[in-house]
Amino acid sequence: MAFNFRKFNKGTKVCREGVDNKDYDFVGLGSFEGEEIHVDGFFFTPGYNEGERQVVVIGEGVNINMPGRAVDDFDKIAADPEAVEAVLNGELKLVDIHLVKAKDKKKKDTYSYTFANA
């Protein structure tokens, strides 16, 4: 197996061949409540606060801003060559997208999702 130089990249972008998302609009995950998202790829951007990151899913013809807690999930996918290959083959979708009300009034409501095989 060849040496993996991708580990030196400052940013990670995983995207299916032929998908060009540079002109896609950005929308929140809530735009897909009750629907499924077929994932064409994902990438990381700087978060709102210094040192934070956000994950953006590429799918359904848009860039989808994911909740902050999704970074850990997508870091694991990006670190697993088999998972990356599955994404590149169009095998990942997000399902069961629904609102989760914050129990603490100081926190914001968020959206939940579940990974599924496409």
Protein backbone atom coordinates (compact mmCIF):
# COMPACT_ATOMS: atom_id res chain seq x y z
CA MET A 1 0.00 0.00 0.00
CA ALA A 2 1.28 3.47 -0.88
CA PHE A 3 2.19 6.02 1.78
CA ASN A 4 -0.79 8.18 2.78
CA PHE A 5 0.29 11.80 2.32
CA ARG A 6 -3.26 12.99 3.01
CA LYS A 7 -2.52 12.98 6.74
CA PHE A 8 -0.44 16.13 6.21
CA ASN A 9 -3.33 18.11 4.77
CA LYS A 10 -4.51 20.93 7.00
CA GLY A 11 -8.09 20.46 5.88
CA THR A 12 -9.89 17.29 5.01
CA LYS A 13 -12.36 17.02 2.16
CA VAL A 14 -13.89 13.73 1.11
CA CYS A 15 -16.09 14.01 -1.96
CA ARG A 16 -17.40 11.69 -4.64
CA GLU A 17 -15.87 12.10 -8.08
CA GLY A 18 -17.78 14.48 -10.32
CA VAL A 19 -19.40 16.41 -7.47
CA ASP A 20 -18.44 20.09 -7.50
CA ASN A 21 -19.94 21.82 -4.49
CA LYS A 22 -18.24 25.20 -4.81
CA ASP A 23 -21.46 26.89 -5.99
CA TYR A 24 -23.78 25.00 -3.62
CA ASP A 25 -25.76 26.98 -1.07
CA PHE A 26 -25.19 26.35 2.63
CA VAL A 27 -28.20 25.19 4.65
CA GLY A 28 -28.73 23.89 8.16
CA LEU A 29 -29.41 20.25 8.92
CA GLY A 30 -32.91 21.28 10.04
CA SER A 31 -33.80 21.89 6.39
CA PHE A 32 -33.94 18.10 6.05
CA GLU A 33 -36.08 17.29 9.10
CA GLY A 34 -37.97 14.06 8.42
CA GLU A 35 -36.02 13.39 5.22
CA GLU A 36 -32.95 11.39 4.20
CA ILE A 37 -29.68 12.81 2.91
CA HIS A 38 -27.57 10.82 0.47
CA VAL A 39 -24.04 11.92 1.33
CA ASP A 40 -21.76 12.82 -1.57
CA GLY A 41 -18.96 13.93 0.75
CA PHE A 42 -17.99 16.17 3.63
CA PHE A 43 -15.38 18.68 4.69
CA PHE A 44 -14.31 20.60 7.76
CA THR A 45 -14.30 24.38 8.24
CA PRO A 46 -13.22 26.59 11.13
CA GLY A 47 -15.91 26.84 13.80
CA TYR A 48 -17.40 29.99 15.27
CA ASN A 49 -14.95 30.04 18.17
CA GLU A 50 -11.17 29.92 17.82
CA GLY A 51 -9.84 26.39 17.76
CA GLU A 52 -13.22 24.86 16.92
CA ARG A 53 -14.14 23.09 13.70
CA GLN A 54 -17.41 22.41 11.96
CA VAL A 55 -18.29 19.64 9.56
CA VAL A 56 -20.23 20.34 6.39
CA VAL A 57 -21.92 17.46 4.56
CA ILE A 58 -22.21 17.62 0.79
CA GLY A 59 -25.50 16.11 -0.33
CA GLU A 60 -28.77 16.70 -2.13
CA GLY A 61 -27.16 19.51 -4.12
CA VAL A 62 -26.27 21.66 -1.09
CA ASN A 63 -23.63 22.07 1.62
CA ILE A 64 -25.23 21.12 4.94
CA ASN A 65 -23.94 22.66 8.16
CA MET A 66 -23.90 19.93 10.78
CA PRO A 67 -24.18 20.29 14.57
CA GLY A 68 -20.89 20.74 16.44
CA ARG A 69 -21.05 17.27 17.94
CA ALA A 70 -20.90 15.79 14.40
CA VAL A 71 -17.20 16.68 14.13
CA ASP A 72 -16.18 13.65 16.20
CA ASP A 73 -18.29 11.30 14.07
CA PHE A 74 -16.87 12.60 10.80
CA ASP A 75 -13.31 12.67 12.18
CA LYS A 76 -13.69 8.93 12.75
CA ILE A 77 -14.96 8.42 9.21
CA ALA A 78 -12.11 10.52 7.76
CA ALA A 79 -9.55 8.45 9.71
CA ASP A 80 -10.91 5.12 8.48
CA PRO A 81 -9.87 4.31 4.88
CA GLU A 82 -12.67 1.76 4.50
CA ALA A 83 -15.28 4.31 5.65
CA VAL A 84 -13.87 6.97 3.31
CA GLU A 85 -14.07 4.52 0.42
CA ALA A 86 -17.70 3.77 1.30
CA VAL A 87 -18.52 7.50 1.27
CA LEU A 88 -16.80 7.85 -2.09
CA ASN A 89 -18.89 4.95 -3.37
CA GLY A 90 -22.13 6.66 -2.31
CA GLU A 91 -22.88 4.21 0.50
CA LEU A 92 -23.64 6.71 3.29
CA LYS A 93 -26.88 8.46 4.09
CA LEU A 94 -28.24 10.35 7.08
CA VAL A 95 -31.70 9.37 8.30
CA ASP A 96 -34.02 10.05 11.26
CA ILE A 97 -33.25 13.77 11.15
CA HIS A 98 -35.26 15.46 13.87
CA LEU A 99 -35.25 18.35 16.32
CA VAL A 100 -33.99 17.76 19.85
CA LYS A 101 -35.19 20.40 22.28
CA ALA A 102 -32.58 21.63 24.75
CA LYS A 103 -33.39 20.69 28.34
CA ASP A 104 -31.39 23.62 29.65
CA LYS A 105 -32.64 27.07 28.62
CA LYS A 106 -29.02 28.24 28.33
CA LYS A 107 -28.41 25.75 25.51
CA LYS A 108 -29.77 25.77 21.98
CA ASP A 109 -32.08 23.25 20.35
CA THR A 110 -30.26 21.00 17.91
CA TYR A 111 -30.92 18.40 15.26
CA SER A 112 -30.15 14.72 15.58
CA TYR A 113 -29.36 12.25 12.79
CA THR A 114 -28.53 8.59 12.34
CA PHE A 115 -26.03 7.06 9.92
CA ALA A 116 -27.39 4.43 7.52
CA ASN A 117 -26.19 2.48 4.51
CA ALA A 118 -27.51 3.84 1.23
